[in-house]
Amino acid sequence: MGRQVFRVIRILLRVCLVVLILLIGVTGYLLVTNQTFRETASAVFGGYLSPSRAFPGSDHADILVIGRDIDLDNHQQPMKTRGRADLTMVVRMDFARRQAAVLSIPRDTRARIPGHGVHKINAAHALGGPALLAGALREMLGVSPDFYVVATFDDLARAIDRLGGVEMVVDKRMDYDDNWGNLHIHLKPGLQRLNGKQAVGLARYRKSNDGDADSDLERIARQQQLLLAVEKRARAPRSWLALPGAAHELRSRLETDLSFPQMLCLTAFAAGLPQQRVESATLPGRMGHVFIYPQLDQARELCARLFPQQ
């Protein structure tokens, strides 16, 4: 009996030693080959996961999150344009109250864009980038984001593939082909593991090949579902080794005025919040033929609650 116990202990020690060697080897490899991993290690040891260090003197951060379109030329090649905002969200990370709020702005919302007159809100980014979109939101809602993050859906798809895909519920059969925009969506209903292209297709779906169309509100609900699915996947221990590669994939293409330590801080803060501490809402509006007309009294009341002046 004593020999068997000793043998089990010896096997466990060998396993622990192999795991330790693998961890040291993986860490060393990432430190040498992955700049994002090196900077992450530096930020963590520098204390930048603490909001008081990353955002000194601030008890919250408001971030304008933009998912932009890619404009293609006649040869289906990406053009160097800003692109319209296919996704617009204002996110507050409230460090003092340890909670977060996410407000989605429908892309067809009617808005007065400073210097350009009345357009759909998604045109603001194409006309003047994040600053003009932030200005239009400020004029309409009184919300003034502190920072911005801009990415394309292709960037998000690559990061999702790095994580090994995400689990999402497809609410109905989806078949849509846009050869000009290089967007092809073919999904069956039900809970399933989606790769990056499929997950982004679900979030971008608006209408089927036979003309059946969804509202912007349905589309926004899927976009919020996608972000939650990515967060859940990133939290899973089996994804931890893939996180440096996913972060590097996304970071290399992001347009933002946040520093890398600040992005890490926000990511760590969000990961530490239970779901009940995160409130998601959509800008109230009335559907029209061309625009979604914002119900400004309700919208400003909602914004005053989600983004209070502190």
Protein backbone atom coordinates (compact mmCIF):
# COMPACT_ATOMS: atom_id res chain seq x y z
CA MET A 1 0.00 0.00 0.00
CA GLY A 2 2.82 2.38 0.93
CA ARG A 3 4.58 1.67 -2.37
CA GLN A 4 1.38 2.41 -4.34
CA VAL A 5 0.90 5.76 -2.58
CA PHE A 6 4.55 6.63 -3.23
CA ARG A 7 4.13 5.70 -6.91
CA VAL A 8 1.02 7.90 -7.24
CA ILE A 9 2.82 10.83 -5.59
CA ARG A 10 5.80 10.35 -7.90
CA ILE A 11 3.54 10.34 -10.98
CA LEU A 12 1.76 13.50 -9.78
CA LEU A 13 5.08 15.24 -9.23
CA ARG A 14 6.19 14.31 -12.75
CA VAL A 15 2.94 15.65 -14.19
CA CYS A 16 3.32 18.90 -12.22
CA LEU A 17 6.92 19.21 -13.42
CA VAL A 18 5.87 18.72 -17.07
CA VAL A 19 3.07 21.31 -16.69
CA LEU A 20 5.51 23.76 -15.08
CA ILE A 21 8.04 23.26 -17.88
CA LEU A 22 5.30 23.79 -20.49
CA LEU A 23 4.12 26.98 -18.77
CA ILE A 24 7.65 28.33 -18.56
CA GLY A 25 8.25 27.43 -22.19
CA VAL A 26 4.99 28.99 -23.43
CA THR A 27 5.56 32.13 -21.35
CA GLY A 28 9.13 32.44 -22.61
CA TYR A 29 8.03 31.92 -26.19
CA LEU A 30 5.33 34.59 -25.91
CA LEU A 31 7.71 37.04 -24.24
CA VAL A 32 10.15 36.66 -27.12
CA THR A 33 7.71 36.57 -30.04
CA ASN A 34 4.61 38.53 -28.99
CA GLN A 35 4.90 42.26 -28.34
CA THR A 36 1.35 42.41 -26.95
CA PHE A 37 2.20 39.72 -24.41
CA ARG A 38 5.35 41.58 -23.35
CA GLU A 39 3.46 44.83 -22.92
CA THR A 40 0.69 43.01 -21.05
CA ALA A 41 3.21 41.59 -18.59
CA SER A 42 4.76 45.04 -18.15
CA ALA A 43 1.37 46.65 -17.53
CA VAL A 44 0.28 43.98 -15.05
CA PHE A 45 3.48 44.21 -13.01
CA GLY A 46 3.26 48.01 -13.23
CA GLY A 47 -0.12 47.98 -11.51
CA TYR A 48 -2.08 49.27 -14.49
CA LEU A 49 -4.95 46.84 -13.97
CA SER A 50 -6.04 49.21 -11.21
CA PRO A 51 -8.35 52.01 -12.49
CA SER A 52 -6.69 54.45 -10.09
CA ARG A 53 -3.39 53.86 -11.92
CA ALA A 54 -4.72 53.62 -15.48
CA PHE A 55 -7.24 56.47 -15.12
CA PRO A 56 -5.88 58.70 -12.33
CA GLY A 57 -8.44 61.10 -10.89
CA SER A 58 -11.38 59.49 -12.74
CA ASP A 59 -14.11 57.37 -11.20
CA HIS A 60 -15.45 56.27 -14.60
CA ALA A 61 -14.63 56.10 -18.30
CA ASP A 62 -17.07 56.60 -21.18
CA ILE A 63 -16.01 54.92 -24.42
CA LEU A 64 -17.49 55.35 -27.90
CA VAL A 65 -17.31 51.91 -29.57
CA ILE A 66 -17.59 51.93 -33.37
CA GLY A 67 -17.76 48.98 -35.74
CA ARG A 68 -17.20 50.47 -39.17
CA ASP A 69 -17.91 49.32 -42.70
CA ILE A 70 -15.17 48.65 -45.24
CA ASP A 71 -15.70 50.44 -48.56
CA LEU A 72 -14.65 48.44 -51.63
CA ASP A 73 -13.59 49.77 -55.02
CA ASN A 74 -14.62 48.42 -58.44
CA HIS A 75 -12.06 45.64 -58.08
CA GLN A 76 -13.42 44.56 -54.67
CA GLN A 77 -10.35 45.97 -52.92
CA PRO A 78 -10.61 47.87 -49.61
CA MET A 79 -10.54 51.64 -49.99
CA LYS A 80 -8.81 54.03 -47.60
CA THR A 81 -12.03 55.62 -46.36
CA ARG A 82 -13.42 55.98 -42.86
CA GLY A 83 -16.56 54.00 -43.70
CA ARG A 84 -19.99 54.31 -42.12
CA ALA A 85 -20.55 53.15 -38.56
CA ASP A 86 -22.29 49.78 -38.75
CA LEU A 87 -22.28 49.53 -34.95
CA THR A 88 -22.32 52.43 -32.49
CA MET A 89 -22.29 51.98 -28.72
CA VAL A 90 -21.49 54.22 -25.77
CA VAL A 91 -20.06 52.21 -22.87
CA ARG A 92 -19.56 53.49 -19.33
CA MET A 93 -17.20 51.66 -16.99
CA ASP A 94 -18.12 52.97 -13.55
CA PHE A 95 -15.14 52.20 -11.32
CA ALA A 96 -16.65 53.77 -8.19
CA ARG A 97 -19.93 51.81 -8.34
CA ARG A 98 -18.38 48.70 -9.91
CA GLN A 99 -20.93 48.53 -12.70
CA ALA A 100 -21.16 49.13 -16.44
CA ALA A 101 -23.71 50.46 -18.91
CA VAL A 102 -23.97 49.90 -22.67
CA LEU A 103 -26.16 52.10 -24.88
CA SER A 104 -26.64 50.99 -28.50
CA ILE A 105 -27.46 53.61 -31.13
CA PRO A 106 -29.38 52.27 -34.17
CA ARG A 107 -27.48 53.04 -37.38
CA ASP A 108 -30.57 54.60 -39.02
CA THR A 109 -31.18 57.09 -36.20
CA ARG A 110 -31.98 60.56 -37.54
CA ALA A 111 -29.40 63.04 -36.27
CA ARG A 112 -28.11 66.51 -36.99
CA ILE A 113 -24.43 66.11 -37.80
CA PRO A 114 -22.44 69.28 -37.03
CA GLY A 115 -21.50 71.03 -40.27
CA HIS A 116 -23.34 68.52 -42.48
CA GLY A 117 -27.06 68.83 -41.72
CA VAL A 118 -29.47 65.95 -41.12
CA HIS A 119 -28.35 62.38 -41.90
CA LYS A 120 -28.52 58.89 -40.49
CA ILE A 121 -26.19 58.79 -37.48
CA ASN A 122 -24.00 56.16 -39.15
CA ALA A 123 -22.91 58.74 -41.77
CA ALA A 124 -21.12 60.83 -39.13
CA HIS A 125 -18.11 58.50 -39.01
CA ALA A 126 -17.76 58.48 -42.81
CA LEU A 127 -17.92 62.28 -42.88
CA GLY A 128 -15.56 63.06 -40.03
CA GLY A 129 -14.46 60.01 -38.06
CA PRO A 130 -14.96 59.33 -34.34
CA ALA A 131 -14.74 63.02 -33.37
CA LEU A 132 -17.69 63.99 -35.59
CA LEU A 133 -19.75 60.99 -34.45
CA ALA A 134 -19.06 61.92 -30.83
CA GLY A 135 -20.07 65.52 -31.61
CA ALA A 136 -23.37 64.39 -33.13
CA LEU A 137 -24.13 62.28 -30.03
CA ARG A 138 -23.19 65.18 -27.76
CA GLU A 139 -25.56 67.51 -29.60
CA MET A 140 -28.42 64.99 -29.65
CA LEU A 141 -28.10 63.35 -26.21
CA GLY A 142 -25.71 65.43 -24.11
CA VAL A 143 -23.34 62.43 -23.86
CA SER A 144 -19.61 63.19 -24.18
CA PRO A 145 -17.43 60.07 -24.52
CA ASP A 146 -13.92 60.32 -23.07
CA PHE A 147 -12.35 57.83 -25.49
CA TYR A 148 -13.12 55.97 -28.70
CA VAL A 149 -12.40 52.55 -30.18
CA VAL A 150 -12.90 51.81 -33.89
CA ALA A 151 -12.64 48.36 -35.49
CA THR A 152 -14.02 46.57 -38.52
CA PHE A 153 -16.08 43.41 -38.28
CA ASP A 154 -13.30 41.61 -40.17
CA ASP A 155 -10.96 42.49 -37.29
CA LEU A 156 -13.41 41.03 -34.78
CA ALA A 157 -13.85 37.89 -36.89
CA ARG A 158 -10.08 37.27 -36.87
CA ALA A 159 -9.94 37.67 -33.09
CA ILE A 160 -12.87 35.27 -32.63
CA ASP A 161 -11.12 32.67 -34.78
CA ARG A 162 -8.04 33.05 -32.56
CA LEU A 163 -10.24 32.21 -29.56
CA GLY A 164 -11.58 29.10 -31.30
CA GLY A 165 -15.05 30.49 -32.08
CA VAL A 166 -18.01 31.42 -29.88
CA GLU A 167 -21.26 29.75 -28.86
CA MET A 168 -24.36 31.65 -29.96
CA VAL A 169 -28.06 31.01 -30.51
CA VAL A 170 -29.17 31.61 -34.09
CA ASP A 171 -32.82 32.62 -33.77
CA LYS A 172 -33.89 31.69 -37.30
CA ARG A 173 -32.60 30.49 -40.66
CA MET A 174 -30.49 33.19 -42.30
CA ASP A 175 -29.52 33.28 -45.96
CA TYR A 176 -28.13 36.47 -47.44
CA ASP A 177 -25.60 37.19 -50.17
CA ASP A 178 -24.12 40.58 -51.02
CA ASN A 179 -21.46 39.97 -53.66
CA TRP A 180 -20.56 43.66 -53.89
CA GLY A 181 -20.00 43.96 -50.15
CA ASN A 182 -18.45 40.46 -49.95
CA LEU A 183 -20.96 39.50 -47.25
CA HIS A 184 -22.37 35.97 -47.30
CA ILE A 185 -24.50 34.69 -44.42
CA HIS A 186 -25.84 31.13 -44.31
CA LEU A 187 -26.90 29.95 -40.86
CA LYS A 188 -29.38 27.43 -39.46
CA PRO A 189 -31.34 28.06 -36.24
CA GLY A 190 -30.22 26.77 -32.86
CA LEU A 191 -27.36 26.91 -30.37
CA GLN A 192 -24.04 26.29 -32.10
CA ARG A 193 -20.34 27.06 -32.19
CA LEU A 194 -19.71 29.76 -34.78
CA ASN A 195 -16.39 30.75 -36.32
CA GLY A 196 -15.49 34.41 -36.70
CA LYS A 197 -17.08 34.91 -40.10
CA GLN A 198 -20.30 33.19 -39.05
CA ALA A 199 -20.56 35.08 -35.74
CA VAL A 200 -20.04 38.44 -37.43
CA GLY A 201 -22.55 37.45 -40.12
CA LEU A 202 -25.15 36.79 -37.42
CA ALA A 203 -24.49 40.21 -35.89
CA ARG A 204 -24.70 42.00 -39.26
CA TYR A 205 -27.74 40.19 -40.68
CA ARG A 206 -30.51 42.58 -41.79
CA LYS A 207 -32.49 40.82 -44.52
CA SER A 208 -32.74 37.54 -46.41
CA ASN A 209 -32.28 36.82 -50.09
CA ASP A 210 -36.09 36.63 -50.47
CA GLY A 211 -36.51 40.18 -49.13
CA ASP A 212 -37.63 39.40 -45.56
CA ALA A 213 -36.09 42.18 -43.42
CA ASP A 214 -35.32 42.58 -39.72
CA SER A 215 -35.48 45.82 -37.77
CA ASP A 216 -32.42 47.66 -36.51
CA LEU A 217 -33.51 46.73 -32.98
CA GLU A 218 -33.33 42.99 -33.76
CA ARG A 219 -29.90 43.54 -35.27
CA ILE A 220 -28.69 45.44 -32.21
CA ALA A 221 -29.88 42.61 -29.95
CA ARG A 222 -27.69 40.19 -31.93
CA GLN A 223 -24.72 42.55 -31.74
CA GLN A 224 -25.07 42.71 -27.96
CA GLN A 225 -25.38 38.90 -27.91
CA LEU A 226 -22.13 38.64 -29.90
CA LEU A 227 -20.20 40.84 -27.46
CA LEU A 228 -21.45 38.78 -24.51
CA ALA A 229 -20.48 35.56 -26.30
CA VAL A 230 -16.96 36.86 -26.96
CA GLU A 231 -16.61 37.93 -23.32
CA LYS A 232 -17.78 34.50 -22.12
CA ARG A 233 -15.36 32.71 -24.44
CA ALA A 234 -12.45 34.91 -23.36
CA ARG A 235 -13.16 34.11 -19.69
CA ALA A 236 -13.03 30.34 -20.24
CA PRO A 237 -9.74 28.80 -18.96
CA ARG A 238 -9.33 26.84 -22.22
CA SER A 239 -9.04 30.19 -24.05
CA TRP A 240 -6.35 31.73 -21.86
CA LEU A 241 -3.42 30.55 -23.98
CA ALA A 242 -5.17 31.93 -27.06
CA LEU A 243 -5.81 35.35 -25.52
CA PRO A 244 -2.40 36.90 -26.30
CA GLY A 245 -2.78 35.99 -29.97
CA ALA A 246 -6.38 37.25 -30.10
CA ALA A 247 -5.43 40.47 -28.34
CA HIS A 248 -2.49 40.97 -30.70
CA GLU A 249 -4.73 40.28 -33.72
CA LEU A 250 -7.30 42.85 -32.63
CA ARG A 251 -4.91 45.42 -31.22
CA SER A 252 -2.84 45.65 -34.38
CA ARG A 253 -5.89 46.87 -36.31
CA LEU A 254 -7.71 48.98 -33.72
CA GLU A 255 -8.02 52.73 -34.02
CA THR A 256 -8.24 54.20 -30.51
CA ASP A 257 -7.01 56.98 -28.26
CA LEU A 258 -6.82 54.61 -25.28
CA SER A 259 -3.35 53.54 -24.23
CA PHE A 260 -2.66 49.81 -24.14
CA PRO A 261 -2.52 49.73 -20.29
CA GLN A 262 -5.89 51.51 -20.22
CA MET A 263 -7.38 48.91 -22.57
CA LEU A 264 -6.07 46.15 -20.31
CA CYS A 265 -7.54 47.87 -17.28
CA LEU A 266 -10.98 48.17 -18.91
CA THR A 267 -10.84 44.53 -20.03
CA ALA A 268 -9.93 43.33 -16.54
CA PHE A 269 -12.59 45.55 -14.95
CA ALA A 270 -15.32 44.25 -17.30
CA ALA A 271 -14.22 40.63 -16.78
CA GLY A 272 -14.61 41.08 -13.02
CA LEU A 273 -18.21 42.31 -13.22
CA PRO A 274 -21.08 39.84 -12.73
CA GLN A 275 -23.70 39.99 -15.48
CA GLN A 276 -26.26 41.65 -13.20
CA ARG A 277 -23.91 44.63 -12.82
CA VAL A 278 -23.99 45.34 -16.57
CA GLU A 279 -27.02 47.16 -18.02
CA SER A 280 -27.65 47.15 -21.76
CA ALA A 281 -30.13 49.48 -23.45
CA THR A 282 -31.05 50.74 -26.92
CA LEU A 283 -31.80 54.35 -27.78
CA PRO A 284 -35.60 54.82 -27.78
CA GLY A 285 -36.93 55.65 -31.22
CA ARG A 286 -39.85 55.44 -33.63
CA MET A 287 -39.45 53.53 -36.88
CA GLY A 288 -39.99 55.58 -40.03
CA HIS A 289 -39.67 54.81 -43.73
CA VAL A 290 -36.09 56.11 -43.97
CA PHE A 291 -35.04 57.08 -40.44
CA ILE A 292 -35.48 55.91 -36.89
CA TYR A 293 -36.70 59.05 -35.16
CA PRO A 294 -35.22 59.29 -31.65
CA GLN A 295 -37.69 59.95 -28.84
CA LEU A 296 -35.48 62.64 -27.38
CA ASP A 297 -37.17 63.18 -24.02
CA GLN A 298 -37.01 59.46 -23.20
CA ALA A 299 -33.53 59.17 -24.70
CA ARG A 300 -32.08 62.01 -22.65
CA GLU A 301 -33.72 60.67 -19.51
CA LEU A 302 -32.17 57.26 -20.23
CA CYS A 303 -28.74 58.81 -20.83
CA ALA A 304 -28.95 60.83 -17.62
CA ARG A 305 -29.49 57.56 -15.75
CA LEU A 306 -26.88 55.49 -17.57
CA PHE A 307 -24.24 58.23 -17.74
CA PRO A 308 -24.81 60.46 -14.70
CA GLN A 309 -22.50 63.40 -14.12
CA GLN A 310 -20.36 62.43 -11.13
